[in-house]
Amino acid sequence: MALPEFFNALEQSGLSTWLRESDSVFSFYFILLCHTIGLALLVGTNAILDLRLLGAASDLPLKSFKPFFSVMWLGFGINAISGVFLLIAYPTKAFTNPVFYIKLLLIASAVLIMQRMKNRLFGDAALTESDMMARGRAMATWSLVLWIGAITSGRLLAYTFIYRMYGER
């Protein structure tokens, strides 16, 4: 398979080389740490909401969870930015791995469900607690499944690649 020369050009860029090879505390592992923090904010908060919709901690009113969406979007922003930097560090490794595309599809689907939850459950102030739970149960289940899949595929990226760098297997 002929790899696009674009991968090589990106890997040879100063930013990509610095991310991979620098001893700076702000290089690759710092970006990875930021990605983990974003993941905790996004998926952790989302999981709390999902579990509440599935009946856990039923003494907490569902309407009080509306501010959680700001935290989830903050986590998504951190993950999107740090994810681009991780991609720049190893573009060939990501773009030639089918698992990367599965991860992106799972994330996109989970984010769509997250936004649908906000609109359908928290966008209608007239909904009762039981209506919110009835409407949200399936979305909460799918959300958990999709986020677990996204995290799993993200972890698998470290082990399932065909090419690590341009011209390397």
C-alpha atoms as a PDB file:
ATOM      1  CA  MET A   1       0.000   0.000   0.000  1.00  0.00           C
ATOM      2  CA  ALA A   2       1.401   3.374  -0.956  1.00  0.00           C
ATOM      3  CA  LEU A   3       1.135   5.828   1.896  1.00  0.00           C
ATOM      4  CA  PRO A   4       0.289   9.426   1.080  1.00  0.00           C
ATOM      5  CA  GLU A   5       3.330  11.690   1.121  1.00  0.00           C
ATOM      6  CA  PHE A   6       1.259  14.037   3.281  1.00  0.00           C
ATOM      7  CA  PHE A   7       1.893  11.732   6.263  1.00  0.00           C
ATOM      8  CA  ASN A   8       5.640  12.029   5.770  1.00  0.00           C
ATOM      9  CA  ALA A   9       5.469  15.808   5.404  1.00  0.00           C
ATOM     10  CA  LEU A  10       3.425  16.134   8.585  1.00  0.00           C
ATOM     11  CA  GLU A  11       5.725  13.804  10.527  1.00  0.00           C
ATOM     12  CA  GLN A  12       8.763  15.819   9.419  1.00  0.00           C
ATOM     13  CA  SER A  13       7.220  19.121  10.543  1.00  0.00           C
ATOM     14  CA  GLY A  14       8.756  20.895  13.497  1.00  0.00           C
ATOM     15  CA  LEU A  15       5.638  20.516  15.648  1.00  0.00           C
ATOM     16  CA  SER A  16       5.306  16.789  15.008  1.00  0.00           C
ATOM     17  CA  THR A  17       8.985  16.169  15.690  1.00  0.00           C
ATOM     18  CA  TRP A  18       8.866  18.296  18.857  1.00  0.00           C
ATOM     19  CA  LEU A  19       5.765  16.453  20.132  1.00  0.00           C
ATOM     20  CA  ARG A  20       7.414  13.057  19.637  1.00  0.00           C
ATOM     21  CA  GLU A  21      11.025  13.766  20.555  1.00  0.00           C
ATOM     22  CA  SER A  22      11.162  16.690  22.970  1.00  0.00           C
ATOM     23  CA  ASP A  23      12.181  16.234  26.574  1.00  0.00           C
ATOM     24  CA  SER A  24       9.930  19.156  27.494  1.00  0.00           C
ATOM     25  CA  VAL A  25       7.320  18.496  30.129  1.00  0.00           C
ATOM     26  CA  PHE A  26       4.803  20.078  27.708  1.00  0.00           C
ATOM     27  CA  SER A  27       5.365  17.664  24.824  1.00  0.00           C
ATOM     28  CA  PHE A  28       3.711  14.304  24.092  1.00  0.00           C
ATOM     29  CA  TYR A  29       2.970  13.084  27.620  1.00  0.00           C
ATOM     30  CA  PHE A  30       1.531  16.443  28.703  1.00  0.00           C
ATOM     31  CA  ILE A  31      -0.780  16.375  25.680  1.00  0.00           C
ATOM     32  CA  LEU A  32      -1.729  12.802  26.610  1.00  0.00           C
ATOM     33  CA  LEU A  33      -2.459  13.972  30.169  1.00  0.00           C
ATOM     34  CA  CYS A  34      -4.685  16.757  28.824  1.00  0.00           C
ATOM     35  CA  HIS A  35      -6.477  14.197  26.650  1.00  0.00           C
ATOM     36  CA  THR A  36      -7.100  12.055  29.745  1.00  0.00           C
ATOM     37  CA  ILE A  37      -8.419  15.036  31.731  1.00  0.00           C
ATOM     38  CA  GLY A  38     -10.741  15.956  28.865  1.00  0.00           C
ATOM     39  CA  LEU A  39     -11.897  12.347  28.706  1.00  0.00           C
ATOM     40  CA  ALA A  40     -12.674  12.351  32.431  1.00  0.00           C
ATOM     41  CA  LEU A  41     -14.666  15.584  32.142  1.00  0.00           C
ATOM     42  CA  LEU A  42     -16.583  14.445  29.072  1.00  0.00           C
ATOM     43  CA  VAL A  43     -17.177  10.759  29.640  1.00  0.00           C
ATOM     44  CA  GLY A  44     -17.151  10.781  33.432  1.00  0.00           C
ATOM     45  CA  THR A  45     -19.791  13.497  33.625  1.00  0.00           C
ATOM     46  CA  ASN A  46     -21.767  11.874  30.832  1.00  0.00           C
ATOM     47  CA  ALA A  47     -21.675   8.523  32.639  1.00  0.00           C
ATOM     48  CA  ILE A  48     -23.006  10.132  35.830  1.00  0.00           C
ATOM     49  CA  LEU A  49     -25.960  11.543  33.875  1.00  0.00           C
ATOM     50  CA  ASP A  50     -26.501   8.240  32.054  1.00  0.00           C
ATOM     51  CA  LEU A  51     -26.503   6.248  35.281  1.00  0.00           C
ATOM     52  CA  ARG A  52     -28.931   8.723  36.870  1.00  0.00           C
ATOM     53  CA  LEU A  53     -31.268   8.310  33.877  1.00  0.00           C
ATOM     54  CA  LEU A  54     -31.032   4.553  34.347  1.00  0.00           C
ATOM     55  CA  GLY A  55     -32.198   4.858  37.958  1.00  0.00           C
ATOM     56  CA  ALA A  56     -29.072   5.305  40.080  1.00  0.00           C
ATOM     57  CA  ALA A  57     -29.094   7.969  42.816  1.00  0.00           C
ATOM     58  CA  SER A  58     -32.819   8.507  42.345  1.00  0.00           C
ATOM     59  CA  ASP A  59     -32.937  10.997  45.218  1.00  0.00           C
ATOM     60  CA  LEU A  60     -31.081  13.538  43.036  1.00  0.00           C
ATOM     61  CA  PRO A  61     -33.443  15.571  40.836  1.00  0.00           C
ATOM     62  CA  LEU A  62     -32.684  15.125  37.136  1.00  0.00           C
ATOM     63  CA  LYS A  63     -33.203  18.799  36.338  1.00  0.00           C
ATOM     64  CA  SER A  64     -30.189  19.619  38.526  1.00  0.00           C
ATOM     65  CA  PHE A  65     -27.986  17.818  35.980  1.00  0.00           C
ATOM     66  CA  LYS A  66     -28.509  20.428  33.238  1.00  0.00           C
ATOM     67  CA  PRO A  67     -25.278  22.340  34.097  1.00  0.00           C
ATOM     68  CA  PHE A  68     -23.334  19.110  33.490  1.00  0.00           C
ATOM     69  CA  PHE A  69     -23.565  19.751  29.751  1.00  0.00           C
ATOM     70  CA  SER A  70     -21.183  22.716  30.086  1.00  0.00           C
ATOM     71  CA  VAL A  71     -18.637  20.426  31.751  1.00  0.00           C
ATOM     72  CA  MET A  72     -19.129  17.795  29.035  1.00  0.00           C
ATOM     73  CA  TRP A  73     -18.579  20.362  26.274  1.00  0.00           C
ATOM     74  CA  LEU A  74     -15.474  21.665  28.054  1.00  0.00           C
ATOM     75  CA  GLY A  75     -14.128  18.104  28.169  1.00  0.00           C
ATOM     76  CA  PHE A  76     -14.979  17.632  24.498  1.00  0.00           C
ATOM     77  CA  GLY A  77     -13.081  20.824  23.614  1.00  0.00           C
ATOM     78  CA  ILE A  78     -10.016  19.714  25.578  1.00  0.00           C
ATOM     79  CA  ASN A  79     -10.166  16.297  23.897  1.00  0.00           C
ATOM     80  CA  ALA A  80     -10.596  17.749  20.421  1.00  0.00           C
ATOM     81  CA  ILE A  81      -7.595  20.060  20.798  1.00  0.00           C
ATOM     82  CA  SER A  82      -5.345  17.492  22.487  1.00  0.00           C
ATOM     83  CA  GLY A  83      -6.502  14.841  20.001  1.00  0.00           C
ATOM     84  CA  VAL A  84      -5.343  16.987  17.087  1.00  0.00           C
ATOM     85  CA  PHE A  85      -1.917  17.324  18.710  1.00  0.00           C
ATOM     86  CA  LEU A  86      -1.714  13.555  19.279  1.00  0.00           C
ATOM     87  CA  LEU A  87      -2.689  13.061  15.642  1.00  0.00           C
ATOM     88  CA  ILE A  88       0.011  15.468  14.485  1.00  0.00           C
ATOM     89  CA  ALA A  89       2.599  13.501  16.482  1.00  0.00           C
ATOM     90  CA  TYR A  90       1.779  10.196  14.732  1.00  0.00           C
ATOM     91  CA  PRO A  91      -0.414  10.826  11.662  1.00  0.00           C
ATOM     92  CA  THR A  92       0.574   7.660   9.770  1.00  0.00           C
ATOM     93  CA  LYS A  93      -0.138   5.515  12.810  1.00  0.00           C
ATOM     94  CA  ALA A  94      -3.657   6.930  13.143  1.00  0.00           C
ATOM     95  CA  PHE A  95      -4.756   7.481   9.546  1.00  0.00           C
ATOM     96  CA  THR A  96      -3.741   3.974   8.395  1.00  0.00           C
ATOM     97  CA  ASN A  97      -5.526   2.250  11.283  1.00  0.00           C
ATOM     98  CA  PRO A  98      -9.195   1.291  10.762  1.00  0.00           C
ATOM     99  CA  VAL A  99      -9.678   1.375  14.550  1.00  0.00           C
ATOM    100  CA  PHE A 100      -9.056   5.152  14.428  1.00  0.00           C
ATOM    101  CA  TYR A 101     -12.074   5.605  12.166  1.00  0.00           C
ATOM    102  CA  ILE A 102     -14.185   3.363  14.394  1.00  0.00           C
ATOM    103  CA  LYS A 103     -13.188   5.538  17.362  1.00  0.00           C
ATOM    104  CA  LEU A 104     -14.198   8.715  15.525  1.00  0.00           C
ATOM    105  CA  LEU A 105     -17.535   7.201  14.505  1.00  0.00           C
ATOM    106  CA  LEU A 106     -18.254   6.112  18.079  1.00  0.00           C
ATOM    107  CA  ILE A 107     -17.354   9.552  19.435  1.00  0.00           C
ATOM    108  CA  ALA A 108     -19.505  11.338  16.858  1.00  0.00           C
ATOM    109  CA  SER A 109     -22.444   9.066  17.672  1.00  0.00           C
ATOM    110  CA  ALA A 110     -22.012   9.556  21.432  1.00  0.00           C
ATOM    111  CA  VAL A 111     -21.801  13.341  21.056  1.00  0.00           C
ATOM    112  CA  LEU A 112     -24.950  13.344  18.924  1.00  0.00           C
ATOM    113  CA  ILE A 113     -26.765  11.410  21.645  1.00  0.00           C
ATOM    114  CA  MET A 114     -25.404  13.799  24.272  1.00  0.00           C
ATOM    115  CA  GLN A 115     -26.808  16.770  22.360  1.00  0.00           C
ATOM    116  CA  ARG A 116     -30.086  14.971  21.747  1.00  0.00           C
ATOM    117  CA  MET A 117     -30.356  14.298  25.491  1.00  0.00           C
ATOM    118  CA  LYS A 118     -29.846  17.975  26.237  1.00  0.00           C
ATOM    119  CA  ASN A 119     -32.495  19.019  23.721  1.00  0.00           C
ATOM    120  CA  ARG A 120     -35.107  16.349  24.419  1.00  0.00           C
ATOM    121  CA  LEU A 121     -34.765  16.014  28.170  1.00  0.00           C
ATOM    122  CA  PHE A 122     -33.503  19.348  29.427  1.00  0.00           C
ATOM    123  CA  GLY A 123     -34.874  21.583  26.686  1.00  0.00           C
ATOM    124  CA  ASP A 124     -38.489  21.034  27.761  1.00  0.00           C
ATOM    125  CA  ALA A 125     -39.078  22.502  31.234  1.00  0.00           C
ATOM    126  CA  ALA A 126     -42.559  20.927  31.345  1.00  0.00           C
ATOM    127  CA  LEU A 127     -41.211  17.357  31.494  1.00  0.00           C
ATOM    128  CA  THR A 128     -41.627  15.565  34.788  1.00  0.00           C
ATOM    129  CA  GLU A 129     -38.877  13.465  36.336  1.00  0.00           C
ATOM    130  CA  SER A 130     -40.565  10.227  35.235  1.00  0.00           C
ATOM    131  CA  ASP A 131     -41.039  11.592  31.679  1.00  0.00           C
ATOM    132  CA  MET A 132     -37.353  12.510  31.532  1.00  0.00           C
ATOM    133  CA  MET A 133     -36.345   9.029  32.673  1.00  0.00           C
ATOM    134  CA  ALA A 134     -38.703   7.331  30.216  1.00  0.00           C
ATOM    135  CA  ARG A 135     -37.438   9.463  27.329  1.00  0.00           C
ATOM    136  CA  GLY A 136     -33.805   9.178  28.371  1.00  0.00           C
ATOM    137  CA  ARG A 137     -33.421   5.500  29.248  1.00  0.00           C
ATOM    138  CA  ALA A 138     -32.559   4.276  25.733  1.00  0.00           C
ATOM    139  CA  MET A 139     -30.323   7.273  25.050  1.00  0.00           C
ATOM    140  CA  ALA A 140     -28.466   6.714  28.336  1.00  0.00           C
ATOM    141  CA  THR A 141     -27.896   3.058  27.504  1.00  0.00           C
ATOM    142  CA  TRP A 142     -26.597   3.877  24.030  1.00  0.00           C
ATOM    143  CA  SER A 143     -24.452   6.653  25.422  1.00  0.00           C
ATOM    144  CA  LEU A 144     -22.704   4.300  27.851  1.00  0.00           C
ATOM    145  CA  VAL A 145     -22.191   1.668  25.149  1.00  0.00           C
ATOM    146  CA  LEU A 146     -20.787   4.203  22.672  1.00  0.00           C
ATOM    147  CA  TRP A 147     -18.418   5.815  25.185  1.00  0.00           C
ATOM    148  CA  ILE A 148     -17.132   2.425  26.331  1.00  0.00           C
ATOM    149  CA  GLY A 149     -16.545   1.550  22.675  1.00  0.00           C
ATOM    150  CA  ALA A 150     -14.777   4.855  21.997  1.00  0.00           C
ATOM    151  CA  ILE A 151     -12.476   4.473  25.008  1.00  0.00           C
ATOM    152  CA  THR A 152     -11.731   0.852  24.130  1.00  0.00           C
ATOM    153  CA  SER A 153     -10.936   1.688  20.518  1.00  0.00           C
ATOM    154  CA  GLY A 154      -8.780   4.597  21.679  1.00  0.00           C
ATOM    155  CA  ARG A 155      -6.742   2.259  23.851  1.00  0.00           C
ATOM    156  CA  LEU A 156      -6.483  -0.271  21.032  1.00  0.00           C
ATOM    157  CA  LEU A 157      -4.876   2.360  18.803  1.00  0.00           C
ATOM    158  CA  ALA A 158      -1.635   1.890  20.719  1.00  0.00           C
ATOM    159  CA  TYR A 159      -1.509  -1.793  19.771  1.00  0.00           C
ATOM    160  CA  THR A 160      -3.298  -2.289  16.451  1.00  0.00           C
ATOM    161  CA  PHE A 161      -1.374  -0.033  14.093  1.00  0.00           C
ATOM    162  CA  ILE A 162       0.182  -1.294  10.865  1.00  0.00           C
ATOM    163  CA  TYR A 163       2.538   1.640  10.306  1.00  0.00           C
ATOM    164  CA  ARG A 164       3.974   3.575  13.226  1.00  0.00           C
ATOM    165  CA  MET A 165       5.603   6.246  11.088  1.00  0.00           C
ATOM    166  CA  TYR A 166       5.935   6.875   7.388  1.00  0.00           C
ATOM    167  CA  GLY A 167       8.149   4.166   5.923  1.00  0.00           C
ATOM    168  CA  GLU A 168       8.159   2.142   9.173  1.00  0.00           C
ATOM    169  CA  ARG A 169       6.196  -0.957  10.022  1.00  0.00           C
END
